[in-house]
Amino acid sequence: MDFDTELKDDDKVFEDKGLKIVVDKKSFLYLIGTELDFAGGLNGKGFQFVNPNASRTCGCGESFSI
């Protein structure tokens, strides 16, 4: 995940509560159905990705395998 200032024609743009999220076409295929959540707990605060397509995930919720 990174900040970008350039939109490409095949990018997918999502908006929620005024925040735009842009996903490139190749990544979108892996992320279909993924929910982005912000959690705070014993391991600290941060974003957590919940991907229903993932066959394996790491303990921190930031990486997955399909």
Protein backbone atom coordinates (compact mmCIF):
# COMPACT_ATOMS: atom_id res chain seq x y z
CA MET A 1 0.00 0.00 0.00
CA ASP A 2 1.34 3.39 -0.95
CA PHE A 3 0.26 6.91 -1.84
CA ASP A 4 -0.07 7.78 -5.52
CA THR A 5 -0.91 10.97 -7.40
CA GLU A 6 -1.57 9.51 -10.86
CA LEU A 7 -4.74 7.66 -11.93
CA LYS A 8 -4.50 5.23 -14.82
CA ASP A 9 -7.43 4.42 -17.10
CA ASP A 10 -7.83 0.86 -15.79
CA ASP A 11 -7.54 1.72 -12.05
CA LYS A 12 -10.54 0.96 -9.83
CA VAL A 13 -11.57 3.84 -7.55
CA PHE A 14 -13.61 3.35 -4.38
CA GLU A 15 -14.76 6.08 -2.02
CA ASP A 16 -15.98 5.82 1.56
CA LYS A 17 -16.61 8.75 3.90
CA GLY A 18 -14.68 11.08 1.59
CA LEU A 19 -11.60 8.83 1.39
CA LYS A 20 -10.65 7.54 -2.06
CA ILE A 21 -8.96 4.18 -2.44
CA VAL A 22 -7.39 3.34 -5.79
CA VAL A 23 -6.49 -0.20 -6.81
CA ASP A 24 -4.64 -1.16 -9.97
CA LYS A 25 -6.30 -3.73 -12.25
CA LYS A 26 -3.92 -6.62 -11.46
CA SER A 27 -4.19 -6.17 -7.67
CA PHE A 28 -7.96 -5.82 -7.88
CA LEU A 29 -8.27 -9.44 -9.04
CA TYR A 30 -6.62 -10.60 -5.78
CA LEU A 31 -8.52 -8.17 -3.56
CA ILE A 32 -12.12 -8.72 -4.71
CA GLY A 33 -14.30 -8.90 -1.60
CA THR A 34 -11.55 -7.69 0.75
CA GLU A 35 -12.58 -5.53 3.69
CA LEU A 36 -10.22 -2.94 5.14
CA ASP A 37 -10.60 -2.37 8.87
CA PHE A 38 -8.76 -0.26 11.42
CA ALA A 39 -8.20 -2.06 14.70
CA GLY A 40 -6.59 -1.20 18.00
CA GLY A 41 -5.62 -3.98 20.36
CA LEU A 42 -2.80 -5.51 22.32
CA ASN A 43 -0.60 -5.64 19.22
CA GLY A 44 -1.12 -1.93 18.52
CA LYS A 45 -3.29 0.07 16.16
CA GLY A 46 -3.34 -0.34 12.42
CA PHE A 47 -5.11 -1.45 9.28
CA GLN A 48 -6.24 -5.03 8.93
CA PHE A 49 -7.19 -6.64 5.63
CA VAL A 50 -9.89 -9.33 5.70
CA ASN A 51 -9.76 -11.22 2.40
CA PRO A 52 -12.34 -14.01 1.95
CA ASN A 53 -10.28 -15.40 -0.96
CA ALA A 54 -7.14 -15.98 1.13
CA SER A 55 -6.12 -19.56 1.78
CA ARG A 56 -3.52 -18.49 4.38
CA THR A 57 -2.90 -15.28 6.33
CA CYS A 58 -0.22 -14.04 8.67
CA GLY A 59 -0.94 -13.29 12.32
CA CYS A 60 -0.87 -9.51 11.80
CA GLY A 61 -3.47 -9.52 9.02
CA GLU A 62 -1.30 -7.65 6.51
CA SER A 63 -0.30 -10.45 4.12
CA PHE A 64 -2.08 -13.40 2.59
CA SER A 65 -1.81 -16.22 0.03
CA ILE A 66 -4.39 -17.16 -2.58
